[in-house]
């Protein structure tokens, strides 16, 4: 399960970089372009981490108080990511 989720993260990161380069090929040499892409990759990682933590904690102790908080944390991270990405 861990290898699969890391592979999914890798595919999403490669796809994010590829789409950014395909959309703005003339800006590839600028620092601001790579800062924006880096911020998007950080947001992708945060969403991936929030989503996969649910699966990792589900295999262990189901009575953990963190297990109950993870869905709301995931929703907050997702909404923050949407707002932040729209401001780029």
C-alpha atoms as a PDB file:
ATOM      1  CA  UNK A   1       0.000   0.000   0.000  1.00  0.00           C
ATOM      2  CA  UNK A   2       2.837   2.392   0.834  1.00  0.00           C
ATOM      3  CA  UNK A   3       4.662   1.769  -2.447  1.00  0.00           C
ATOM      4  CA  UNK A   4       1.456   2.263  -4.419  1.00  0.00           C
ATOM      5  CA  UNK A   5       0.613   5.560  -2.727  1.00  0.00           C
ATOM      6  CA  UNK A   6       4.171   6.854  -3.248  1.00  0.00           C
ATOM      7  CA  UNK A   7       3.980   5.813  -6.910  1.00  0.00           C
ATOM      8  CA  UNK A   8       0.690   7.694  -7.245  1.00  0.00           C
ATOM      9  CA  UNK A   9       2.319  10.786  -5.709  1.00  0.00           C
ATOM     10  CA  UNK A  10       5.194  10.489  -8.172  1.00  0.00           C
ATOM     11  CA  UNK A  11       2.849  10.240 -11.152  1.00  0.00           C
ATOM     12  CA  UNK A  12       0.860  13.260  -9.977  1.00  0.00           C
ATOM     13  CA  UNK A  13       4.043  15.323  -9.473  1.00  0.00           C
ATOM     14  CA  UNK A  14       5.397  14.407 -12.914  1.00  0.00           C
ATOM     15  CA  UNK A  15       2.009  15.197 -14.466  1.00  0.00           C
ATOM     16  CA  UNK A  16       1.859  18.566 -12.692  1.00  0.00           C
ATOM     17  CA  UNK A  17       5.312  19.555 -13.932  1.00  0.00           C
ATOM     18  CA  UNK A  18       4.570  18.293 -17.455  1.00  0.00           C
ATOM     19  CA  UNK A  19       1.296  20.195 -17.736  1.00  0.00           C
ATOM     20  CA  UNK A  20       2.907  23.381 -16.411  1.00  0.00           C
ATOM     21  CA  UNK A  21       5.734  23.129 -18.943  1.00  0.00           C
ATOM     22  CA  UNK A  22       3.314  22.360 -21.784  1.00  0.00           C
ATOM     23  CA  UNK A  23       1.053  25.298 -20.940  1.00  0.00           C
ATOM     24  CA  UNK A  24       3.853  27.859 -20.443  1.00  0.00           C
ATOM     25  CA  UNK A  25       6.923  26.688 -22.404  1.00  0.00           C
ATOM     26  CA  UNK A  26       8.225  30.232 -22.793  1.00  0.00           C
ATOM     27  CA  UNK A  27       8.374  30.768 -19.005  1.00  0.00           C
ATOM     28  CA  UNK A  28      10.388  27.645 -18.172  1.00  0.00           C
ATOM     29  CA  UNK A  29      13.563  29.663 -17.704  1.00  0.00           C
ATOM     30  CA  UNK A  30      12.076  32.125 -15.201  1.00  0.00           C
ATOM     31  CA  UNK A  31      12.339  31.772 -11.455  1.00  0.00           C
ATOM     32  CA  UNK A  32       8.733  32.822 -10.848  1.00  0.00           C
ATOM     33  CA  UNK A  33       7.492  29.936 -12.998  1.00  0.00           C
ATOM     34  CA  UNK A  34       9.407  27.378 -10.939  1.00  0.00           C
ATOM     35  CA  UNK A  35       8.313  28.989  -7.674  1.00  0.00           C
ATOM     36  CA  UNK A  36       4.684  28.643  -8.763  1.00  0.00           C
ATOM     37  CA  UNK A  37       5.234  25.041  -9.847  1.00  0.00           C
ATOM     38  CA  UNK A  38       7.013  24.308  -6.560  1.00  0.00           C
ATOM     39  CA  UNK A  39       4.114  25.754  -4.590  1.00  0.00           C
ATOM     40  CA  UNK A  40       1.673  23.596  -6.569  1.00  0.00           C
ATOM     41  CA  UNK A  41       3.809  20.537  -5.814  1.00  0.00           C
ATOM     42  CA  UNK A  42       3.770  21.401  -2.103  1.00  0.00           C
ATOM     43  CA  UNK A  43      -0.022  21.644  -2.251  1.00  0.00           C
ATOM     44  CA  UNK A  44      -0.169  18.296  -4.075  1.00  0.00           C
ATOM     45  CA  UNK A  45       2.013  16.747  -1.382  1.00  0.00           C
ATOM     46  CA  UNK A  46      -0.122  18.170   1.435  1.00  0.00           C
ATOM     47  CA  UNK A  47      -3.299  16.803  -0.144  1.00  0.00           C
ATOM     48  CA  UNK A  48      -1.637  13.433  -0.742  1.00  0.00           C
ATOM     49  CA  UNK A  49      -0.377  13.289   2.849  1.00  0.00           C
ATOM     50  CA  UNK A  50      -3.766  14.207   4.299  1.00  0.00           C
ATOM     51  CA  UNK A  51      -5.480  11.595   2.140  1.00  0.00           C
ATOM     52  CA  UNK A  52      -3.046   8.755   2.743  1.00  0.00           C
ATOM     53  CA  UNK A  53      -2.911   9.311   6.499  1.00  0.00           C
ATOM     54  CA  UNK A  54      -6.519   8.143   6.633  1.00  0.00           C
ATOM     55  CA  UNK A  55      -5.541   4.825   5.078  1.00  0.00           C
ATOM     56  CA  UNK A  56      -2.463   4.365   7.246  1.00  0.00           C
ATOM     57  CA  UNK A  57      -4.341   5.082  10.471  1.00  0.00           C
ATOM     58  CA  UNK A  58      -7.247   2.891   9.360  1.00  0.00           C
ATOM     59  CA  UNK A  59      -4.921  -0.126   9.390  1.00  0.00           C
ATOM     60  CA  UNK A  60      -3.884   0.538  12.985  1.00  0.00           C
ATOM     61  CA  UNK A  61      -5.912   1.742  15.931  1.00  0.00           C
ATOM     62  CA  UNK A  62      -9.409   2.706  14.781  1.00  0.00           C
ATOM     63  CA  UNK A  63     -10.207   4.283  18.151  1.00  0.00           C
ATOM     64  CA  UNK A  64      -7.558   6.972  17.835  1.00  0.00           C
ATOM     65  CA  UNK A  65      -8.879  10.535  18.240  1.00  0.00           C
ATOM     66  CA  UNK A  66      -6.752  11.552  15.256  1.00  0.00           C
ATOM     67  CA  UNK A  67      -8.725   9.144  13.072  1.00  0.00           C
ATOM     68  CA  UNK A  68     -11.869  11.184  13.696  1.00  0.00           C
ATOM     69  CA  UNK A  69     -10.119  14.456  12.898  1.00  0.00           C
ATOM     70  CA  UNK A  70      -8.472  13.347   9.649  1.00  0.00           C
ATOM     71  CA  UNK A  71     -11.500  13.839   7.351  1.00  0.00           C
ATOM     72  CA  UNK A  72     -11.955  17.428   8.502  1.00  0.00           C
ATOM     73  CA  UNK A  73      -8.204  18.058   8.200  1.00  0.00           C
ATOM     74  CA  UNK A  74      -8.346  16.689   4.660  1.00  0.00           C
ATOM     75  CA  UNK A  75     -11.265  18.965   3.762  1.00  0.00           C
ATOM     76  CA  UNK A  76      -9.494  22.024   5.190  1.00  0.00           C
ATOM     77  CA  UNK A  77      -6.273  21.223   3.306  1.00  0.00           C
ATOM     78  CA  UNK A  78      -8.229  20.703   0.079  1.00  0.00           C
ATOM     79  CA  UNK A  79     -10.133  23.995   0.385  1.00  0.00           C
ATOM     80  CA  UNK A  80      -6.915  25.861   1.253  1.00  0.00           C
ATOM     81  CA  UNK A  81      -5.231  24.299  -1.782  1.00  0.00           C
ATOM     82  CA  UNK A  82      -8.040  25.374  -4.095  1.00  0.00           C
ATOM     83  CA  UNK A  83      -7.934  28.935  -2.806  1.00  0.00           C
ATOM     84  CA  UNK A  84      -4.146  29.104  -2.903  1.00  0.00           C
ATOM     85  CA  UNK A  85      -3.857  27.622  -6.395  1.00  0.00           C
ATOM     86  CA  UNK A  86      -6.509  29.988  -7.731  1.00  0.00           C
ATOM     87  CA  UNK A  87      -4.465  32.962  -6.503  1.00  0.00           C
ATOM     88  CA  UNK A  88      -1.363  31.902  -8.460  1.00  0.00           C
END
